[in-house]
Structure formats: C-alpha cells, structure tokens
C-alpha cells in the first residue's frame, strides 16, 4: 500500500524540480500550491468524476473533471503542465489518466468539467487510454486507488511542445525546464 506523502513526493521528484518559493507581504515564503474546490487533498473524488465508458462496468461516473486552481508559481514560469496518474492501476506500470501542458502562465486554474474536453487553454497529451483530455477513474472493486494530480511550472513557452506526448515523453521534455511542482491526491473506490 502506498502512503499519500510518499506517492506525492515521488511524483514531484520524477520531474526533477527544485523547491522554488516566493515571499508574501510579510516576507514569509509562499509555497507554489495546487488546490481543488471539487475535493480536499487526500479525500475521495465524487462519483461524477469517475470515467464514463458503458462497455466497462468499472466506469461508473460521468467523466467530469475536477476544478483546479493554483497560486504562487515560481518566478520565470512561462507555462504549466498538469498530470493525473494512478500508481496502483494496471500493475506494475500505473495508469496515466491525463497529460496536459502548454498551459499559459496567465491561466490560474480550470473550472469543473473544463478538462473533460479539448480547450485552447492547454495542449492535450496522450493518456494510457490514448485520449488527449481528462478521463476519470475506472477503479475495480476492492481497495481504493490514489489519483495524483501534479502541476509543474516550466520555463517553456506554451507552444514549445507538440501535441500528443505521453507522460513519459513529457517528463523527458521537461528535464531541465521544470521550475517547481506541486500536487494533490484524490482517491476513488468502486461503489
């Protein structure tokens, strides 16, 4: 069983990020942070956020992507990448549910459901399911899975990377360009 802290630390370490912080008005460092109004860090995702695929009995949701917002990106950030990964899915490799990048530095978040379809606010990569937009959990009955959402701040222009990159391709492309990362974890269990 994975611990939430260990999984998040591993996900952030994968992109080889330095811990870059800015200071708030009182001079206290303000950390780069990711949050969601759809779920609390470490809490269960709503059923509507699970995948919607009538041919798979484990896909019991409506495929509505969570809302996200972020604050205090590192100085020099030109774009963001957002990844969703299930380390317990399809052992031993895990499942990449969402790969997005080329998110302009001016974007501060996404509304609920916004990542479930193509948008001019991000470049769609390629998930394990060969999709370029969000696809929610299709967790089999049994133990809950952990869904790691990682936001990476980069020094790359939003148009720097081609569409259709896998999670692994993106991690390689961000080597030396990641300015910092932050993340949250949601869980889901087949009802």
N, C-alpha and C. Protein backbone atom coordinates (compact mmCIF):
# COMPACT_ATOMS: atom_id res chain seq x y z
N UNK A 1 0.85 -1.18 0.00
CA UNK A 1 0.00 0.00 0.00
C UNK A 1 0.89 1.24 0.00
N UNK A 2 0.55 2.21 -0.80
CA UNK A 2 1.31 3.44 -0.90
C UNK A 2 0.86 4.42 0.17
N UNK A 3 1.77 5.21 0.69
CA UNK A 3 1.37 6.31 1.56
C UNK A 3 1.21 7.54 0.69
N UNK A 4 0.25 8.41 1.01
CA UNK A 4 -0.03 9.59 0.20
C UNK A 4 1.20 10.47 0.09
N UNK A 5 1.88 10.69 1.20
CA UNK A 5 3.07 11.54 1.18
C UNK A 5 4.17 10.98 0.31
N UNK A 6 4.39 9.67 0.39
CA UNK A 6 5.42 9.03 -0.42
C UNK A 6 5.09 9.12 -1.90
N UNK A 7 3.81 8.90 -2.24
CA UNK A 7 3.41 8.97 -3.65
C UNK A 7 3.59 10.38 -4.20
N UNK A 8 3.15 11.39 -3.45
CA UNK A 8 3.26 12.75 -3.91
C UNK A 8 4.73 13.16 -4.03
N UNK A 9 5.54 12.78 -3.05
CA UNK A 9 6.96 13.09 -3.12
C UNK A 9 7.60 12.44 -4.34
N UNK A 10 7.23 11.20 -4.63
CA UNK A 10 7.76 10.52 -5.80
C UNK A 10 7.33 11.18 -7.09
N UNK A 11 6.08 11.59 -7.17
CA UNK A 11 5.57 12.23 -8.39
C UNK A 11 6.29 13.54 -8.64
N UNK A 12 6.51 14.30 -7.58
CA UNK A 12 7.19 15.58 -7.74
C UNK A 12 8.67 15.36 -8.06
N UNK A 13 9.30 14.36 -7.44
CA UNK A 13 10.70 14.09 -7.70
C UNK A 13 10.94 13.64 -9.14
N UNK A 14 9.95 12.96 -9.73
CA UNK A 14 10.08 12.48 -11.10
C UNK A 14 10.41 13.60 -12.06
N UNK A 15 9.82 14.78 -11.85
CA UNK A 15 10.05 15.88 -12.77
C UNK A 15 11.28 16.71 -12.40
N UNK A 16 12.05 16.23 -11.45
CA UNK A 16 13.32 16.85 -11.08
C UNK A 16 13.19 18.34 -10.82
N UNK A 17 12.31 18.68 -9.89
CA UNK A 17 12.03 20.09 -9.62
C UNK A 17 12.78 20.58 -8.40
N UNK A 18 13.19 21.83 -8.46
CA UNK A 18 13.77 22.48 -7.29
C UNK A 18 12.65 23.13 -6.50
N UNK A 19 12.77 23.19 -5.20
CA UNK A 19 11.75 23.82 -4.37
C UNK A 19 11.89 25.33 -4.41
N UNK A 20 11.21 25.97 -5.34
CA UNK A 20 11.29 27.41 -5.52
C UNK A 20 10.09 28.05 -4.83
N UNK A 21 10.33 29.09 -4.06
CA UNK A 21 9.26 29.76 -3.33
C UNK A 21 9.34 31.26 -3.57
N UNK A 22 8.20 31.94 -3.39
CA UNK A 22 8.15 33.39 -3.41
C UNK A 22 7.78 33.84 -2.01
N UNK A 23 7.90 35.10 -1.72
CA UNK A 23 7.56 35.60 -0.40
C UNK A 23 6.24 36.35 -0.45
N UNK A 24 5.44 36.23 0.64
CA UNK A 24 4.20 37.00 0.71
C UNK A 24 4.51 38.38 1.29
N UNK A 25 3.47 39.17 1.55
CA UNK A 25 3.66 40.55 2.02
C UNK A 25 4.43 40.62 3.33
N UNK A 26 4.31 39.61 4.18
CA UNK A 26 5.01 39.61 5.47
C UNK A 26 6.43 39.07 5.34
N UNK A 27 6.83 38.69 4.13
CA UNK A 27 8.18 38.16 3.93
C UNK A 27 8.27 36.66 4.15
N UNK A 28 7.15 36.03 4.52
CA UNK A 28 7.12 34.59 4.73
C UNK A 28 7.03 33.90 3.37
N UNK A 29 7.85 32.89 3.13
CA UNK A 29 7.75 32.21 1.84
C UNK A 29 6.35 31.64 1.59
N UNK A 30 5.82 31.93 0.41
CA UNK A 30 4.52 31.39 0.00
C UNK A 30 4.79 30.27 -1.00
N UNK A 31 4.39 29.08 -0.66
CA UNK A 31 4.69 27.92 -1.49
C UNK A 31 3.79 27.87 -2.73
N UNK A 32 4.35 27.40 -3.80
CA UNK A 32 3.59 27.07 -5.01
C UNK A 32 2.58 26.01 -4.61
N UNK A 33 1.31 26.24 -4.89
CA UNK A 33 0.29 25.31 -4.40
C UNK A 33 -0.79 25.04 -5.44
N UNK A 34 -1.34 23.84 -5.36
CA UNK A 34 -2.45 23.39 -6.19
C UNK A 34 -3.60 23.02 -5.26
N UNK A 35 -4.81 23.43 -5.59
CA UNK A 35 -5.97 23.06 -4.79
C UNK A 35 -7.16 22.79 -5.70
N UNK A 36 -8.20 22.23 -5.12
CA UNK A 36 -9.42 21.94 -5.86
C UNK A 36 -10.62 22.24 -4.99
N UNK A 37 -11.62 22.89 -5.58
CA UNK A 37 -12.88 23.10 -4.87
C UNK A 37 -13.77 21.86 -5.00
N UNK A 38 -13.36 20.89 -5.82
CA UNK A 38 -14.13 19.67 -6.04
C UNK A 38 -13.84 18.58 -5.01
N UNK A 39 -12.64 18.60 -4.42
CA UNK A 39 -12.28 17.61 -3.40
C UNK A 39 -11.12 18.14 -2.58
N UNK A 40 -11.00 17.67 -1.36
CA UNK A 40 -9.88 18.05 -0.50
C UNK A 40 -8.73 17.08 -0.72
N UNK A 41 -7.51 17.57 -0.53
CA UNK A 41 -6.32 16.74 -0.68
C UNK A 41 -6.45 15.51 0.21
N UNK A 42 -6.31 14.33 -0.39
CA UNK A 42 -6.40 13.08 0.33
C UNK A 42 -7.82 12.51 0.43
N UNK A 43 -8.82 13.25 -0.06
CA UNK A 43 -10.21 12.82 0.05
C UNK A 43 -10.68 12.11 -1.23
N UNK A 44 -11.85 11.52 -1.13
CA UNK A 44 -12.45 10.76 -2.23
C UNK A 44 -13.00 11.71 -3.29
N UNK A 45 -12.76 11.36 -4.56
CA UNK A 45 -13.36 12.08 -5.68
C UNK A 45 -14.84 11.73 -5.75
N UNK A 46 -15.66 12.67 -6.18
CA UNK A 46 -17.09 12.43 -6.35
C UNK A 46 -17.30 11.41 -7.47
N UNK A 47 -18.37 10.64 -7.37
CA UNK A 47 -18.69 9.61 -8.36
C UNK A 47 -18.75 10.19 -9.78
N UNK A 48 -19.27 11.43 -9.92
CA UNK A 48 -19.39 12.02 -11.25
C UNK A 48 -18.02 12.21 -11.91
N UNK A 49 -16.94 12.22 -11.13
CA UNK A 49 -15.59 12.40 -11.67
C UNK A 49 -14.97 11.10 -12.17
N UNK A 50 -15.63 9.97 -11.89
CA UNK A 50 -15.16 8.68 -12.41
C UNK A 50 -15.40 8.63 -13.91
N UNK A 51 -14.70 7.71 -14.57
CA UNK A 51 -14.82 7.57 -16.01
C UNK A 51 -16.22 7.13 -16.43
N UNK A 52 -16.55 7.44 -17.68
CA UNK A 52 -17.84 7.08 -18.27
C UNK A 52 -17.58 6.27 -19.53
N UNK A 53 -17.67 4.95 -19.40
CA UNK A 53 -17.48 4.05 -20.53
C UNK A 53 -18.44 2.88 -20.31
N UNK A 54 -19.53 2.89 -21.04
CA UNK A 54 -20.59 1.89 -20.82
C UNK A 54 -20.13 0.46 -21.04
N UNK A 55 -19.04 0.26 -21.80
CA UNK A 55 -18.55 -1.10 -22.04
C UNK A 55 -17.67 -1.62 -20.91
N UNK A 56 -17.35 -0.76 -19.93
CA UNK A 56 -16.52 -1.16 -18.78
C UNK A 56 -17.34 -0.99 -17.51
N UNK A 57 -17.71 -2.07 -16.83
CA UNK A 57 -18.54 -1.95 -15.62
C UNK A 57 -17.84 -1.22 -14.46
N UNK A 58 -16.53 -1.02 -14.56
CA UNK A 58 -15.82 -0.27 -13.52
C UNK A 58 -15.90 1.24 -13.73
N UNK A 59 -16.37 1.67 -14.89
CA UNK A 59 -16.52 3.10 -15.19
C UNK A 59 -17.94 3.51 -14.82
N UNK A 60 -18.09 4.05 -13.62
CA UNK A 60 -19.42 4.28 -13.04
C UNK A 60 -19.78 5.76 -12.96
N UNK A 61 -18.99 6.63 -13.57
CA UNK A 61 -19.22 8.06 -13.41
C UNK A 61 -19.70 8.77 -14.66
N UNK A 62 -19.49 10.08 -14.66
CA UNK A 62 -19.90 10.95 -15.77
C UNK A 62 -18.71 11.60 -16.45
N UNK A 63 -17.50 11.27 -16.01
CA UNK A 63 -16.26 11.83 -16.56
C UNK A 63 -16.18 13.35 -16.46
N UNK A 64 -16.58 13.90 -15.33
CA UNK A 64 -16.49 15.33 -15.07
C UNK A 64 -15.16 15.60 -14.38
N UNK A 65 -14.32 16.40 -15.00
CA UNK A 65 -13.01 16.69 -14.40
C UNK A 65 -13.16 17.60 -13.19
N UNK A 66 -12.28 17.43 -12.18
CA UNK A 66 -12.33 18.31 -11.02
C UNK A 66 -11.93 19.74 -11.39
N UNK A 67 -12.36 20.68 -10.57
CA UNK A 67 -11.90 22.06 -10.69
C UNK A 67 -10.51 22.15 -10.05
N UNK A 68 -9.66 22.99 -10.60
CA UNK A 68 -8.32 23.20 -10.05
C UNK A 68 -8.00 24.69 -10.03
N UNK A 69 -7.24 25.11 -9.04
CA UNK A 69 -6.67 26.46 -9.02
C UNK A 69 -5.29 26.37 -8.39
N UNK A 70 -4.44 27.31 -8.75
CA UNK A 70 -3.09 27.31 -8.20
C UNK A 70 -2.64 28.73 -7.91
N UNK A 71 -1.61 28.82 -7.08
CA UNK A 71 -1.10 30.11 -6.63
C UNK A 71 0.41 30.04 -6.44
N UNK A 72 1.03 31.21 -6.47
CA UNK A 72 2.45 31.39 -6.17
C UNK A 72 3.40 30.57 -7.05
N UNK A 73 3.22 30.62 -8.37
CA UNK A 73 4.17 29.89 -9.22
C UNK A 73 5.57 30.51 -9.09
N UNK A 74 6.59 29.72 -9.33
CA UNK A 74 7.96 30.24 -9.25
C UNK A 74 8.19 31.37 -10.26
N UNK A 75 9.07 32.29 -9.89
CA UNK A 75 9.46 33.36 -10.82
C UNK A 75 9.97 32.75 -12.12
N UNK A 76 9.65 33.38 -13.22
CA UNK A 76 10.12 32.91 -14.52
C UNK A 76 9.25 31.84 -15.15
N UNK A 77 8.12 31.50 -14.52
CA UNK A 77 7.23 30.49 -15.10
C UNK A 77 6.61 31.03 -16.37
N UNK A 78 6.69 30.25 -17.45
CA UNK A 78 6.08 30.63 -18.73
C UNK A 78 4.90 29.74 -19.09
N UNK A 79 4.88 28.52 -18.56
CA UNK A 79 3.77 27.61 -18.82
C UNK A 79 3.70 26.56 -17.72
N UNK A 80 2.59 25.84 -17.71
CA UNK A 80 2.38 24.76 -16.74
C UNK A 80 2.05 23.46 -17.47
N UNK A 81 2.29 22.36 -16.78
CA UNK A 81 1.84 21.03 -17.21
C UNK A 81 1.04 20.45 -16.06
N UNK A 82 -0.01 19.70 -16.39
CA UNK A 82 -0.85 19.08 -15.38
C UNK A 82 -1.00 17.60 -15.72
N UNK A 83 -0.68 16.75 -14.75
CA UNK A 83 -0.72 15.31 -14.95
C UNK A 83 -1.63 14.65 -13.91
N UNK A 84 -2.32 13.59 -14.32
CA UNK A 84 -3.11 12.77 -13.40
C UNK A 84 -2.63 11.33 -13.56
N UNK A 85 -2.19 10.72 -12.45
CA UNK A 85 -1.59 9.39 -12.51
C UNK A 85 -2.12 8.51 -11.38
N UNK A 86 -2.43 7.27 -11.72
CA UNK A 86 -2.87 6.25 -10.75
C UNK A 86 -1.76 5.22 -10.63
N UNK A 87 -0.95 5.25 -9.57
CA UNK A 87 0.17 4.31 -9.46
C UNK A 87 -0.27 2.87 -9.22
N UNK A 88 -1.50 2.66 -8.73
CA UNK A 88 -1.97 1.30 -8.45
C UNK A 88 -2.67 0.65 -9.64
N UNK A 89 -2.99 1.42 -10.65
CA UNK A 89 -3.70 0.90 -11.81
C UNK A 89 -2.78 0.09 -12.72
N UNK A 90 -3.31 -0.95 -13.32
CA UNK A 90 -2.59 -1.81 -14.26
C UNK A 90 -1.15 -2.10 -13.81
N UNK A 91 -0.96 -2.76 -12.69
CA UNK A 91 0.39 -3.05 -12.18
C UNK A 91 1.25 -3.72 -13.25
N UNK A 92 2.52 -3.45 -13.31
CA UNK A 92 3.27 -2.62 -12.37
C UNK A 92 3.45 -1.18 -12.83
N UNK A 93 2.91 -0.81 -14.00
CA UNK A 93 3.23 0.50 -14.57
C UNK A 93 2.35 1.66 -14.17
N UNK A 94 1.16 1.42 -13.64
CA UNK A 94 0.26 2.50 -13.32
C UNK A 94 -0.50 2.97 -14.55
N UNK A 95 -1.43 3.89 -14.34
CA UNK A 95 -2.26 4.42 -15.42
C UNK A 95 -2.15 5.94 -15.45
N UNK A 96 -1.80 6.45 -16.60
CA UNK A 96 -1.79 7.90 -16.83
C UNK A 96 -3.18 8.29 -17.34
N UNK A 97 -3.93 9.03 -16.53
CA UNK A 97 -5.30 9.40 -16.88
C UNK A 97 -5.38 10.71 -17.65
N UNK A 98 -4.39 11.58 -17.49
CA UNK A 98 -4.46 12.88 -18.13
C UNK A 98 -3.07 13.47 -18.24
N UNK A 99 -2.76 14.02 -19.42
CA UNK A 99 -1.49 14.69 -19.67
C UNK A 99 -1.82 15.98 -20.42
N UNK A 100 -1.56 17.11 -19.78
CA UNK A 100 -1.80 18.42 -20.41
C UNK A 100 -0.58 19.30 -20.15
N UNK A 101 -0.26 20.13 -21.12
CA UNK A 101 0.90 21.02 -21.00
C UNK A 101 0.66 22.22 -21.90
N UNK A 102 1.63 23.12 -21.96
CA UNK A 102 1.43 24.33 -22.75
C UNK A 102 0.35 25.22 -22.16
N UNK A 103 0.09 25.06 -20.86
CA UNK A 103 -0.90 25.90 -20.18
C UNK A 103 -0.23 27.25 -19.92
N UNK A 104 -0.72 28.34 -20.52
CA UNK A 104 -0.05 29.64 -20.36
C UNK A 104 0.06 30.06 -18.89
N UNK A 105 1.10 30.79 -18.58
CA UNK A 105 1.32 31.26 -17.21
C UNK A 105 0.18 32.15 -16.73
N UNK A 106 -0.57 32.76 -17.65
CA UNK A 106 -1.70 33.62 -17.27
C UNK A 106 -2.90 32.81 -16.76
N UNK A 107 -2.94 31.51 -17.04
CA UNK A 107 -4.05 30.66 -16.57
C UNK A 107 -3.80 30.31 -15.10
N UNK A 108 -4.83 30.47 -14.29
CA UNK A 108 -4.71 30.24 -12.84
C UNK A 108 -5.54 29.05 -12.37
N UNK A 109 -6.18 28.34 -13.32
CA UNK A 109 -6.96 27.18 -12.94
C UNK A 109 -7.94 26.77 -14.02
N UNK A 110 -8.74 25.75 -13.70
CA UNK A 110 -9.75 25.22 -14.61
C UNK A 110 -11.04 25.00 -13.82
N UNK A 111 -12.17 25.28 -14.45
CA UNK A 111 -13.47 25.04 -13.84
C UNK A 111 -13.79 23.55 -13.88
N UNK A 112 -14.69 23.12 -13.02
CA UNK A 112 -15.12 21.73 -13.02
C UNK A 112 -15.68 21.38 -14.40
N UNK A 113 -15.23 20.27 -14.94
CA UNK A 113 -15.66 19.81 -16.26
C UNK A 113 -14.88 20.37 -17.43
N UNK A 114 -14.08 21.40 -17.20
CA UNK A 114 -13.37 22.06 -18.30
C UNK A 114 -12.31 21.19 -18.96
N UNK A 115 -11.69 20.29 -18.19
CA UNK A 115 -10.63 19.43 -18.74
C UNK A 115 -11.19 18.17 -19.39
N UNK A 116 -12.50 17.99 -19.34
CA UNK A 116 -13.13 16.80 -19.93
C UNK A 116 -13.25 16.92 -21.44
N UNK A 117 -12.90 18.06 -21.98
CA UNK A 117 -12.96 18.29 -23.43
C UNK A 117 -11.76 19.11 -23.86
N UNK A 118 -11.50 19.14 -25.15
CA UNK A 118 -10.39 19.93 -25.68
C UNK A 118 -10.60 21.41 -25.36
N UNK A 119 -9.51 22.13 -25.22
CA UNK A 119 -9.56 23.55 -24.88
C UNK A 119 -8.35 24.25 -25.47
N UNK A 120 -8.49 25.54 -25.73
CA UNK A 120 -7.34 26.32 -26.19
C UNK A 120 -6.46 26.75 -25.02
N UNK A 121 -6.84 26.35 -23.78
CA UNK A 121 -6.04 26.68 -22.60
C UNK A 121 -4.97 25.64 -22.29
N UNK A 122 -4.95 24.53 -23.03
CA UNK A 122 -3.91 23.53 -22.83
C UNK A 122 -3.68 22.73 -24.11
N UNK A 123 -2.49 22.12 -24.18
CA UNK A 123 -2.16 21.20 -25.26
C UNK A 123 -2.40 19.80 -24.71
N UNK A 124 -3.20 19.01 -25.40
CA UNK A 124 -3.50 17.66 -24.93
C UNK A 124 -2.40 16.68 -25.26
N UNK A 125 -1.97 15.95 -24.25
CA UNK A 125 -1.01 14.88 -24.45
C UNK A 125 -1.76 13.60 -24.76
N UNK A 126 -1.18 12.47 -24.35
CA UNK A 126 -1.81 11.18 -24.61
C UNK A 126 -1.80 10.35 -23.33
N UNK A 127 -2.99 10.00 -22.87
CA UNK A 127 -3.12 9.17 -21.68
C UNK A 127 -2.88 7.71 -22.03
N UNK A 128 -2.88 6.85 -21.04
CA UNK A 128 -2.77 5.41 -21.27
C UNK A 128 -3.89 4.94 -22.19
N UNK A 129 -5.05 5.60 -22.09
CA UNK A 129 -6.20 5.23 -22.92
C UNK A 129 -6.16 5.89 -24.30
N UNK A 130 -5.04 6.57 -24.62
CA UNK A 130 -4.84 7.25 -25.91
C UNK A 130 -5.78 8.45 -26.09
N UNK A 131 -6.16 9.09 -24.98
CA UNK A 131 -7.02 10.26 -25.01
C UNK A 131 -6.22 11.52 -24.71
N UNK A 132 -6.68 12.66 -25.24
CA UNK A 132 -5.98 13.93 -25.01
C UNK A 132 -6.69 14.80 -23.98
N UNK A 133 -7.78 14.32 -23.43
CA UNK A 133 -8.49 15.07 -22.39
C UNK A 133 -8.64 14.18 -21.15
N UNK A 134 -9.18 14.76 -20.10
CA UNK A 134 -9.37 14.06 -18.83
C UNK A 134 -10.21 12.81 -19.02
N UNK A 135 -9.79 11.72 -18.38
CA UNK A 135 -10.63 10.52 -18.28
C UNK A 135 -10.52 10.04 -16.84
N UNK A 136 -11.65 9.99 -16.16
CA UNK A 136 -11.69 9.69 -14.74
C UNK A 136 -11.44 8.24 -14.38
N UNK A 137 -11.38 7.97 -13.08
CA UNK A 137 -11.11 6.62 -12.57
C UNK A 137 -12.13 5.58 -13.04
N UNK A 138 -11.65 4.41 -13.34
CA UNK A 138 -12.49 3.22 -13.58
C UNK A 138 -11.93 2.13 -12.68
N UNK A 139 -11.96 2.41 -11.39
CA UNK A 139 -11.34 1.57 -10.37
C UNK A 139 -12.13 0.28 -10.19
N UNK A 140 -11.45 -0.88 -10.24
CA UNK A 140 -12.16 -2.13 -9.98
C UNK A 140 -12.57 -2.23 -8.51
N UNK A 141 -13.58 -3.07 -8.21
CA UNK A 141 -13.97 -3.25 -6.80
C UNK A 141 -12.78 -3.74 -5.98
N UNK A 142 -12.77 -3.36 -4.72
CA UNK A 142 -11.67 -3.75 -3.83
C UNK A 142 -11.14 -2.55 -3.10
N UNK A 143 -9.85 -2.38 -3.14
CA UNK A 143 -9.20 -1.28 -2.43
C UNK A 143 -9.27 0.01 -3.24
N UNK A 144 -9.28 1.17 -2.57
CA UNK A 144 -9.27 2.45 -3.29
C UNK A 144 -7.93 2.66 -4.01
N UNK A 145 -8.00 3.38 -5.11
CA UNK A 145 -6.79 3.80 -5.81
C UNK A 145 -6.54 5.27 -5.48
N UNK A 146 -5.29 5.68 -5.63
CA UNK A 146 -4.87 7.05 -5.37
C UNK A 146 -4.60 7.73 -6.71
N UNK A 147 -5.15 8.92 -6.89
CA UNK A 147 -5.00 9.66 -8.14
C UNK A 147 -4.19 10.91 -7.84
N UNK A 148 -2.97 10.93 -8.35
CA UNK A 148 -2.03 12.01 -8.09
C UNK A 148 -2.15 13.05 -9.19
N UNK A 149 -2.50 14.27 -8.79
CA UNK A 149 -2.56 15.40 -9.72
C UNK A 149 -1.31 16.24 -9.46
N UNK A 150 -0.46 16.35 -10.45
CA UNK A 150 0.79 17.10 -10.31
C UNK A 150 0.79 18.26 -11.28
N UNK A 151 1.04 19.47 -10.77
CA UNK A 151 1.16 20.67 -11.59
C UNK A 151 2.63 21.06 -11.61
N UNK A 152 3.18 21.20 -12.80
CA UNK A 152 4.59 21.55 -12.97
C UNK A 152 4.69 22.93 -13.61
N UNK A 153 5.46 23.82 -13.01
CA UNK A 153 5.76 25.13 -13.59
C UNK A 153 7.00 24.97 -14.45
N UNK A 154 6.96 25.51 -15.68
CA UNK A 154 8.09 25.35 -16.59
C UNK A 154 8.57 26.71 -17.13
N UNK A 155 9.78 26.70 -17.68
CA UNK A 155 10.30 27.90 -18.33
C UNK A 155 10.09 27.84 -19.85
N UNK A 156 9.25 26.90 -20.31
CA UNK A 156 8.97 26.75 -21.74
C UNK A 156 7.79 27.61 -22.16
N UNK A 157 7.86 28.16 -23.37
CA UNK A 157 6.73 28.88 -23.93
C UNK A 157 5.58 27.89 -24.12
N UNK A 158 4.33 28.34 -24.03
CA UNK A 158 3.19 27.43 -24.17
C UNK A 158 3.18 26.62 -25.47
N UNK A 159 3.74 27.17 -26.54
CA UNK A 159 3.73 26.48 -27.84
C UNK A 159 4.98 25.64 -28.09
N UNK A 160 5.82 25.47 -27.08
CA UNK A 160 7.12 24.81 -27.28
C UNK A 160 7.03 23.31 -27.56
N UNK A 161 6.00 22.64 -27.06
CA UNK A 161 5.93 21.18 -27.19
C UNK A 161 4.77 20.77 -28.09
N UNK A 162 5.01 19.74 -28.89
CA UNK A 162 3.98 19.24 -29.80
C UNK A 162 2.87 18.51 -29.04
N UNK A 163 1.69 18.45 -29.64
CA UNK A 163 0.56 17.74 -29.03
C UNK A 163 0.82 16.23 -29.07
N UNK A 164 0.14 15.51 -28.19
CA UNK A 164 0.16 14.06 -28.22
C UNK A 164 1.27 13.38 -27.45
N UNK A 165 2.01 14.11 -26.61
CA UNK A 165 3.09 13.50 -25.85
C UNK A 165 2.52 12.64 -24.71
N UNK A 166 3.15 11.50 -24.47
CA UNK A 166 2.77 10.67 -23.32
C UNK A 166 3.36 11.28 -22.05
N UNK A 167 2.96 10.75 -20.92
CA UNK A 167 3.52 11.19 -19.63
C UNK A 167 5.04 11.05 -19.63
N UNK A 168 5.53 9.91 -20.11
CA UNK A 168 6.97 9.65 -20.15
C UNK A 168 7.68 10.63 -21.09
N UNK A 169 7.09 10.90 -22.27
CA UNK A 169 7.66 11.86 -23.21
C UNK A 169 7.75 13.24 -22.57
N UNK A 170 6.69 13.63 -21.87
CA UNK A 170 6.64 14.95 -21.26
C UNK A 170 7.68 15.08 -20.16
N UNK A 171 7.82 14.06 -19.33
CA UNK A 171 8.82 14.11 -18.27
C UNK A 171 10.22 14.31 -18.86
N UNK A 172 10.53 13.61 -19.94
CA UNK A 172 11.82 13.80 -20.61
C UNK A 172 11.96 15.22 -21.16
N UNK A 173 10.90 15.73 -21.78
CA UNK A 173 10.94 17.07 -22.37
C UNK A 173 11.08 18.16 -21.32
N UNK A 174 10.59 17.91 -20.11
CA UNK A 174 10.67 18.91 -19.04
C UNK A 174 11.98 18.87 -18.27
N UNK A 175 12.80 17.86 -18.52
CA UNK A 175 14.09 17.77 -17.83
C UNK A 175 14.90 19.04 -18.09
N UNK A 176 15.25 19.75 -17.04
CA UNK A 176 16.00 20.99 -17.15
C UNK A 176 15.12 22.21 -17.37
N UNK A 177 13.81 22.02 -17.51
CA UNK A 177 12.89 23.14 -17.74
C UNK A 177 11.85 23.29 -16.64
N UNK A 178 11.82 22.38 -15.68
CA UNK A 178 10.86 22.45 -14.58
C UNK A 178 11.37 23.41 -13.52
N UNK A 179 10.55 24.39 -13.16
CA UNK A 179 10.92 25.38 -12.16
C UNK A 179 10.40 25.02 -10.77
N UNK A 180 9.43 24.13 -10.71
CA UNK A 180 8.84 23.71 -9.45
C UNK A 180 7.62 22.86 -9.73
N UNK A 181 7.15 22.17 -8.71
CA UNK A 181 5.96 21.34 -8.86
C UNK A 181 5.20 21.30 -7.55
N UNK A 182 3.91 21.04 -7.68
CA UNK A 182 3.04 20.91 -6.53
C UNK A 182 1.96 19.89 -6.89
N UNK A 183 1.27 19.38 -5.92
CA UNK A 183 0.26 18.39 -6.25
C UNK A 183 -0.70 18.11 -5.13
N UNK A 184 -1.77 17.41 -5.49
CA UNK A 184 -2.74 16.91 -4.52
C UNK A 184 -3.14 15.51 -4.94
N UNK A 185 -3.73 14.78 -3.99
CA UNK A 185 -4.11 13.40 -4.23
C UNK A 185 -5.59 13.22 -3.92
N UNK A 186 -6.29 12.56 -4.84
CA UNK A 186 -7.68 12.17 -4.61
C UNK A 186 -7.75 10.66 -4.63
N UNK A 187 -8.74 10.09 -4.00
CA UNK A 187 -8.92 8.64 -4.02
C UNK A 187 -10.24 8.31 -4.68
N UNK A 188 -10.35 7.07 -5.15
CA UNK A 188 -11.64 6.60 -5.65
C UNK A 188 -11.70 5.10 -5.47
N UNK A 189 -12.87 4.64 -5.10
CA UNK A 189 -13.12 3.23 -4.91
C UNK A 189 -14.44 2.90 -5.57
N UNK A 190 -14.48 1.78 -6.27
CA UNK A 190 -15.72 1.35 -6.92
C UNK A 190 -16.82 1.28 -5.87
N UNK A 191 -17.94 1.96 -6.10
CA UNK A 191 -19.01 1.97 -5.09
C UNK A 191 -19.68 0.62 -4.91
